[in-house]
Amino acid sequence: MKLKKILGALSLVTLFSGAMMADNDFDVYGQISAVDSINKTITLASPGGGQLVIQVLPYTKIKGDDCGAFGNDIYGTFKDLTMGKFIKAEVVHYGAYPPAQNPGTQSPNTTNNTHYTAKEIEWECRRKAY
């Protein structure tokens, strides 16, 4: 009986801790206001004048929704991210992935709080309202 209680408590702790850590990403919607092809970043501008810098990594999934023949999705590259394009980006905080940096350098979390890393970037090819 005691073993069942311990195993039950352990499984609950495992279940809740996994759910808390599983989803540290979120979606961001916006229009690309700047593209830095050297550093592989895009910048989204907000109506209030703020800017959000998103780092695009080699494994970031970039795709166009309903762009191909018969409404199929197409997969793109960094070159497809152009100024003025409206996108949805699934991002994580910049320091959420372990950075590849030299020991003793400053952590990326302390330099800019509005810098994020993209897991996926998607745009729509459907007709626009205007």
C-alpha atoms as a PDB file:
ATOM      1  CA  MET A   1       0.000   0.000   0.000  1.00  0.00           C
ATOM      2  CA  LYS A   2       2.815   2.368   0.874  1.00  0.00           C
ATOM      3  CA  LEU A   3       4.559   1.555  -2.388  1.00  0.00           C
ATOM      4  CA  LYS A   4       1.415   2.453  -4.372  1.00  0.00           C
ATOM      5  CA  LYS A   5       1.208   5.842  -2.648  1.00  0.00           C
ATOM      6  CA  ILE A   6       4.867   6.570  -3.322  1.00  0.00           C
ATOM      7  CA  LEU A   7       4.589   5.533  -6.971  1.00  0.00           C
ATOM      8  CA  GLY A   8       1.378   7.550  -7.360  1.00  0.00           C
ATOM      9  CA  ALA A   9       2.976  10.659  -5.872  1.00  0.00           C
ATOM     10  CA  LEU A  10       6.071  10.192  -8.007  1.00  0.00           C
ATOM     11  CA  SER A  11       4.023   9.849 -11.184  1.00  0.00           C
ATOM     12  CA  LEU A  12       2.039  13.013 -10.354  1.00  0.00           C
ATOM     13  CA  VAL A  13       5.225  14.984  -9.754  1.00  0.00           C
ATOM     14  CA  THR A  14       6.657  13.723 -13.036  1.00  0.00           C
ATOM     15  CA  LEU A  15       3.463  14.550 -14.905  1.00  0.00           C
ATOM     16  CA  PHE A  16       3.205  18.117 -13.606  1.00  0.00           C
ATOM     17  CA  SER A  17       6.902  18.942 -13.881  1.00  0.00           C
ATOM     18  CA  GLY A  18       6.943  17.769 -17.502  1.00  0.00           C
ATOM     19  CA  ALA A  19       3.906  19.891 -18.330  1.00  0.00           C
ATOM     20  CA  MET A  20       5.464  22.971 -16.741  1.00  0.00           C
ATOM     21  CA  MET A  21       8.722  22.682 -18.673  1.00  0.00           C
ATOM     22  CA  ALA A  22       7.360  21.343 -21.950  1.00  0.00           C
ATOM     23  CA  ASP A  23       6.100  24.535 -23.541  1.00  0.00           C
ATOM     24  CA  ASN A  24       8.410  27.504 -23.134  1.00  0.00           C
ATOM     25  CA  ASP A  25       7.716  28.757 -26.657  1.00  0.00           C
ATOM     26  CA  PHE A  26       5.042  31.162 -27.855  1.00  0.00           C
ATOM     27  CA  ASP A  27       3.711  32.608 -31.094  1.00  0.00           C
ATOM     28  CA  VAL A  28       4.490  36.115 -32.328  1.00  0.00           C
ATOM     29  CA  TYR A  29       2.641  37.763 -35.213  1.00  0.00           C
ATOM     30  CA  GLY A  30       3.914  40.779 -37.090  1.00  0.00           C
ATOM     31  CA  GLN A  31       5.338  42.429 -40.170  1.00  0.00           C
ATOM     32  CA  ILE A  32       9.029  42.153 -40.965  1.00  0.00           C
ATOM     33  CA  SER A  33      10.565  45.630 -40.759  1.00  0.00           C
ATOM     34  CA  ALA A  34      14.242  44.682 -41.186  1.00  0.00           C
ATOM     35  CA  VAL A  35      16.259  41.693 -42.390  1.00  0.00           C
ATOM     36  CA  ASP A  36      19.900  41.210 -41.381  1.00  0.00           C
ATOM     37  CA  SER A  37      21.306  38.566 -43.714  1.00  0.00           C
ATOM     38  CA  ILE A  38      24.755  38.646 -42.097  1.00  0.00           C
ATOM     39  CA  ASN A  39      23.571  37.867 -38.551  1.00  0.00           C
ATOM     40  CA  LYS A  40      20.517  35.902 -39.797  1.00  0.00           C
ATOM     41  CA  THR A  41      17.992  37.950 -37.831  1.00  0.00           C
ATOM     42  CA  ILE A  42      14.669  39.518 -38.689  1.00  0.00           C
ATOM     43  CA  THR A  43      13.039  42.423 -36.880  1.00  0.00           C
ATOM     44  CA  LEU A  44       9.318  42.808 -36.291  1.00  0.00           C
ATOM     45  CA  ALA A  45       7.993  46.306 -35.600  1.00  0.00           C
ATOM     46  CA  SER A  46       5.060  46.982 -33.315  1.00  0.00           C
ATOM     47  CA  PRO A  47       2.548  49.803 -33.821  1.00  0.00           C
ATOM     48  CA  GLY A  48       3.890  51.480 -30.674  1.00  0.00           C
ATOM     49  CA  GLY A  49       7.391  51.778 -32.112  1.00  0.00           C
ATOM     50  CA  GLY A  50       8.929  48.804 -30.306  1.00  0.00           C
ATOM     51  CA  GLN A  51      11.042  46.244 -32.087  1.00  0.00           C
ATOM     52  CA  LEU A  52      11.406  42.506 -31.660  1.00  0.00           C
ATOM     53  CA  VAL A  53      14.580  40.856 -32.973  1.00  0.00           C
ATOM     54  CA  ILE A  54      14.262  37.179 -33.912  1.00  0.00           C
ATOM     55  CA  GLN A  55      17.317  35.002 -34.539  1.00  0.00           C
ATOM     56  CA  VAL A  56      16.898  32.490 -37.376  1.00  0.00           C
ATOM     57  CA  LEU A  57      18.994  29.360 -36.903  1.00  0.00           C
ATOM     58  CA  PRO A  58      19.945  26.741 -39.512  1.00  0.00           C
ATOM     59  CA  TYR A  59      17.309  24.324 -38.172  1.00  0.00           C
ATOM     60  CA  THR A  60      14.485  26.892 -38.057  1.00  0.00           C
ATOM     61  CA  LYS A  61      11.537  25.621 -40.099  1.00  0.00           C
ATOM     62  CA  ILE A  62      10.523  28.296 -42.633  1.00  0.00           C
ATOM     63  CA  LYS A  63       7.366  27.648 -44.626  1.00  0.00           C
ATOM     64  CA  GLY A  64       4.674  29.300 -46.670  1.00  0.00           C
ATOM     65  CA  ASP A  65       1.115  28.265 -45.845  1.00  0.00           C
ATOM     66  CA  ASP A  66      -1.090  27.446 -48.876  1.00  0.00           C
ATOM     67  CA  CYS A  67       1.586  28.629 -51.336  1.00  0.00           C
ATOM     68  CA  GLY A  68       2.094  25.604 -53.552  1.00  0.00           C
ATOM     69  CA  ALA A  69      -0.047  24.044 -56.222  1.00  0.00           C
ATOM     70  CA  PHE A  70      -3.423  22.921 -54.873  1.00  0.00           C
ATOM     71  CA  GLY A  71      -2.852  24.894 -51.658  1.00  0.00           C
ATOM     72  CA  ASN A  72       0.095  22.837 -50.422  1.00  0.00           C
ATOM     73  CA  ASP A  73       2.635  24.265 -48.010  1.00  0.00           C
ATOM     74  CA  ILE A  74       6.080  25.073 -49.364  1.00  0.00           C
ATOM     75  CA  TYR A  75       9.303  25.120 -47.393  1.00  0.00           C
ATOM     76  CA  GLY A  76      11.524  28.131 -47.746  1.00  0.00           C
ATOM     77  CA  THR A  77      14.881  29.525 -46.735  1.00  0.00           C
ATOM     78  CA  PHE A  78      16.082  32.696 -45.060  1.00  0.00           C
ATOM     79  CA  LYS A  79      15.957  34.454 -48.471  1.00  0.00           C
ATOM     80  CA  ASP A  80      12.157  34.107 -48.451  1.00  0.00           C
ATOM     81  CA  LEU A  81      11.892  36.359 -45.371  1.00  0.00           C
ATOM     82  CA  THR A  82      11.542  39.784 -46.970  1.00  0.00           C
ATOM     83  CA  MET A  83      10.645  43.197 -45.597  1.00  0.00           C
ATOM     84  CA  GLY A  84       6.913  43.848 -45.442  1.00  0.00           C
ATOM     85  CA  LYS A  85       5.923  40.179 -45.178  1.00  0.00           C
ATOM     86  CA  PHE A  86       3.437  39.311 -42.412  1.00  0.00           C
ATOM     87  CA  ILE A  87       4.564  36.254 -40.458  1.00  0.00           C
ATOM     88  CA  LYS A  88       3.760  34.052 -37.517  1.00  0.00           C
ATOM     89  CA  ALA A  89       6.881  32.964 -35.643  1.00  0.00           C
ATOM     90  CA  GLU A  90       7.069  30.310 -32.951  1.00  0.00           C
ATOM     91  CA  VAL A  91       9.866  31.622 -30.726  1.00  0.00           C
ATOM     92  CA  VAL A  92      11.675  30.932 -27.475  1.00  0.00           C
ATOM     93  CA  HIS A  93      13.721  33.327 -25.370  1.00  0.00           C
ATOM     94  CA  TYR A  94      17.195  33.723 -26.848  1.00  0.00           C
ATOM     95  CA  GLY A  95      18.918  31.988 -23.924  1.00  0.00           C
ATOM     96  CA  ALA A  96      16.517  29.042 -23.818  1.00  0.00           C
ATOM     97  CA  TYR A  97      18.850  27.063 -26.068  1.00  0.00           C
ATOM     98  CA  PRO A  98      22.420  26.704 -24.831  1.00  0.00           C
ATOM     99  CA  PRO A  99      24.448  29.273 -26.765  1.00  0.00           C
ATOM    100  CA  ALA A 100      27.660  28.313 -28.519  1.00  0.00           C
ATOM    101  CA  GLN A 101      30.035  30.831 -27.023  1.00  0.00           C
ATOM    102  CA  ASN A 102      33.450  31.055 -25.466  1.00  0.00           C
ATOM    103  CA  PRO A 103      33.708  30.650 -21.690  1.00  0.00           C
ATOM    104  CA  GLY A 104      33.869  33.982 -19.936  1.00  0.00           C
ATOM    105  CA  THR A 105      31.737  35.889 -22.426  1.00  0.00           C
ATOM    106  CA  GLN A 106      28.567  37.631 -21.400  1.00  0.00           C
ATOM    107  CA  SER A 107      25.362  35.608 -21.354  1.00  0.00           C
ATOM    108  CA  PRO A 108      22.968  36.514 -24.202  1.00  0.00           C
ATOM    109  CA  ASN A 109      20.121  36.949 -21.707  1.00  0.00           C
ATOM    110  CA  THR A 110      21.688  40.060 -20.217  1.00  0.00           C
ATOM    111  CA  THR A 111      22.307  41.958 -23.445  1.00  0.00           C
ATOM    112  CA  ASN A 112      18.816  42.364 -24.896  1.00  0.00           C
ATOM    113  CA  ASN A 113      15.507  41.268 -23.405  1.00  0.00           C
ATOM    114  CA  THR A 114      13.657  41.463 -26.732  1.00  0.00           C
ATOM    115  CA  HIS A 115      15.853  38.976 -28.603  1.00  0.00           C
ATOM    116  CA  TYR A 116      14.273  35.620 -29.400  1.00  0.00           C
ATOM    117  CA  THR A 117      15.174  32.470 -31.300  1.00  0.00           C
ATOM    118  CA  ALA A 118      12.763  31.142 -33.944  1.00  0.00           C
ATOM    119  CA  LYS A 119      11.718  27.501 -33.972  1.00  0.00           C
ATOM    120  CA  GLU A 120       9.339  28.000 -36.901  1.00  0.00           C
ATOM    121  CA  ILE A 121       8.408  30.914 -39.168  1.00  0.00           C
ATOM    122  CA  GLU A 122       5.309  30.789 -41.337  1.00  0.00           C
ATOM    123  CA  TRP A 123       3.627  33.173 -43.761  1.00  0.00           C
ATOM    124  CA  GLU A 124       0.363  32.858 -45.672  1.00  0.00           C
ATOM    125  CA  CYS A 125       0.076  33.066 -49.449  1.00  0.00           C
ATOM    126  CA  ARG A 126      -3.689  33.473 -49.577  1.00  0.00           C
ATOM    127  CA  ARG A 127      -5.307  36.584 -50.963  1.00  0.00           C
ATOM    128  CA  LYS A 128      -5.209  39.566 -48.653  1.00  0.00           C
ATOM    129  CA  ALA A 129      -8.201  41.666 -47.628  1.00  0.00           C
ATOM    130  CA  TYR A 130      -6.731  44.716 -49.410  1.00  0.00           C
END
